[in-house]
Amino acid sequence: MFGHAELLKFNNMKKFIIVLLLISNAIYAQHLGFNGSGFFENYNEDVVKWLHDMNQPFTIRVPGGSISKFHDPYNIRQGWGMDATRIKSWFKETGFDEDGASVEKWVRKAEEQPNHSYLDDLIKLQKEFPDMQVTYVLNVLFSTPEANMQAIRYLMNGGVKVAGVEAGNEVYGKYNSFSEYIQDFEPIFNLLETEYPQVKKGLVAGANLQREDIVRWNDDLENYKGEYDAVIIHYYYTARELGEAYDMIKRIAYDENKYEANLDKAYRKAAEELLNKNLFEESVANAKNKFKGKAIWITEWNTKPSDMLNNTILNGAWQFKEMVELRDDVEYLLIHNGVSPDKYGMMSRRTKFDSEQNELLRRIGYWAFMLASEVEDGIKLQKNTKHNLQADADGEVCYYFTNLDEAYQAQIDYGSNKIASATIHYVTGKYGYSSAGTTGYMTKGTQPNYEVKGIKTEDFKGTVPKNSFGYIVIKTSE
C-alpha cells in the first residue's frame, strides 16, 4: 500500500512531467498559493516546517491586499515601507479605505513595522523554498514608477522569482475612470517590458457585477488595447450569497460532544450554496469569456467574514473543491490567506477562545491546500452515481470527493481490473462545523475544538466518511 509520504513522491514526479508537457504546449499551468497579508508579521519556525511538510510548490502574493496603496519597501526599510505621514495624507485626500479601516489602524500598522525590510525576508524565503513564485502588487495609487521598479529590481537581484505583477489591489473604487488607471500603470508596465520582459503583467477587474461602476470598469478593461497578460479578480462568498445561512448561525459555547441542530441546519444551507451551485465556477467562466485570451488570476478568495464559516470542515471542503475544479481555468489561485492572526489563515494564531494565545496552528485551509495539491487530474466522485474504473497509463485512478453528509458506499465498478492497492486520504470531523481550533460562531465558555489535526490515510474499503473531503487512489496490477 502507498503511505502518504510515498504517494507524495510519486505524485510530485508525475506533476513534474505534466508541467513539462504543459510548457511545451504553451498551456497555462495552474499555480496554487496564498495571499501574503500578515505573512512575515506572523512567520516563525513552525511555518517553515509546515510549508516544507506540504512538499508542494506554492506562490505567495505580496505585500498583500489593502497595504498596496501605502507600501514603498525599497526606500523605507521597515517592514513593507509604510510611512505614517503618507498614510495620513492619503486619508485626508480620499477619506476611505476599501475595507472600511480607519486612518488610526494604518498609522498603528506603520508604527509597528520592524526595523528591517520584508524584501530581505522574502529573499530569505526564496532561498528556503527554491520553487516558490511571487506575484508582486504594485503601488499604483500613491507611489511612482521608479519606486515600484526599485523594489522589483532588488527582489530580482536577490534571486526572488517574481513571476507576475498586479497593478494595484481592487483599485476600481479609487479612480473616476479607467483612463486614469491607465496613466498610472502603463509607465510601470513599460519599464517592466524593457527590463524584465519575462514578468507577466496583470490588471484589476471586479467580481461584483451588481455594481454599475464595476460593470463599466470591466467593459473599459475589455476594450483596452494595451499589452498585458492577465485579469485579476477577487472572489468572496459573503452575505450577498450566503445571507440566509448566515442569518441562521447563532453564537454558541461549542462542545464537540453536543450536537447543535440549528447550527447543523445553517451549515447545510451554506453547503447548498458552496458545494452545489457552482457560482464560483460560473463567475470564472464569465470572466474567461469576457476577457478572451487573457489568463485569470484569482489572488484573493474565501468566504467572508471569517467569523462565520472559516476554519470549519465545510469551508475546507469548498476550498478543496475549488482548487481542484478550477485548475484548467485559473492560472494563479491564491487563497486568502497563508499566515495570519485570523481564522482566514491556513496557519493562524490561536484566538481568545484558545488557551495559548501566541501559538500558531494549522487550520482547515492548510489541509485543504495539501489535499488539493495531491489530486492532480482526479475524477469527481458522485454520490449515487456508478463509476466504471478506468486507470491511466500508469495503472492508477484518482477520485476526489466532498461529503457534508452521512457516510456512504462509493459505487465504483472495478470491472476486470485487478486491484493492487486502494487508499483514501481525507479530513473529517463529527460535524460540518467541526474545526482545527476555534471558529467564529464560538462564544464565551467555549472549549476549543481540535478534531482536525491532520490528513487521515487508510486502506479504502468502499466507504466515503461523513463530513469529509479528500481523495481515493486506486492502483491496478497487470
Foldseek 3Di string as FASTA:
>chain_A
DDDPVNLLVVLVVVVVVVVVVCVVVVAFFAAEAFEQDAPVVQDDPVLLVLVVVLVFEHEYEPPGAQCQQAFLCLVQFFERHGDLVLLVVVCVVVVATPVRDDSVVVSVVVVPTHNGYVLVVQLVVCVSPVRYEYEYEHNLNHDALVSRVSSVVSSVVSPHHHQEYEDHHPCLVVDPAVVVSCVRCVVNVVVCCVPPVRHFYEYEAEQPPVDPSRVRRLVVVLVDDDDGAAYEYEEEAECVQLVVLQVQQAFAQDDQVDDDVSNQVSLVSVLCRQPPPCPVVVSLVVVCVSNPRHAYAHREYFYPDQLRQFQFLSRLQSLLVCLQVCRSRHRYDHYHRDEECGSSHCWHAADPLDDDRSDIARGSNSQSVSQSSSQHNAAEQDPPDAAEDDAPPQQKHKYWYAAQFAKDFGRYHPDPFAWPFKKWKKWAGPHRGAGCWDHNSYDPNHDTGRRTRHIDMDGDPGMDHHSMTHMMMIGTDD
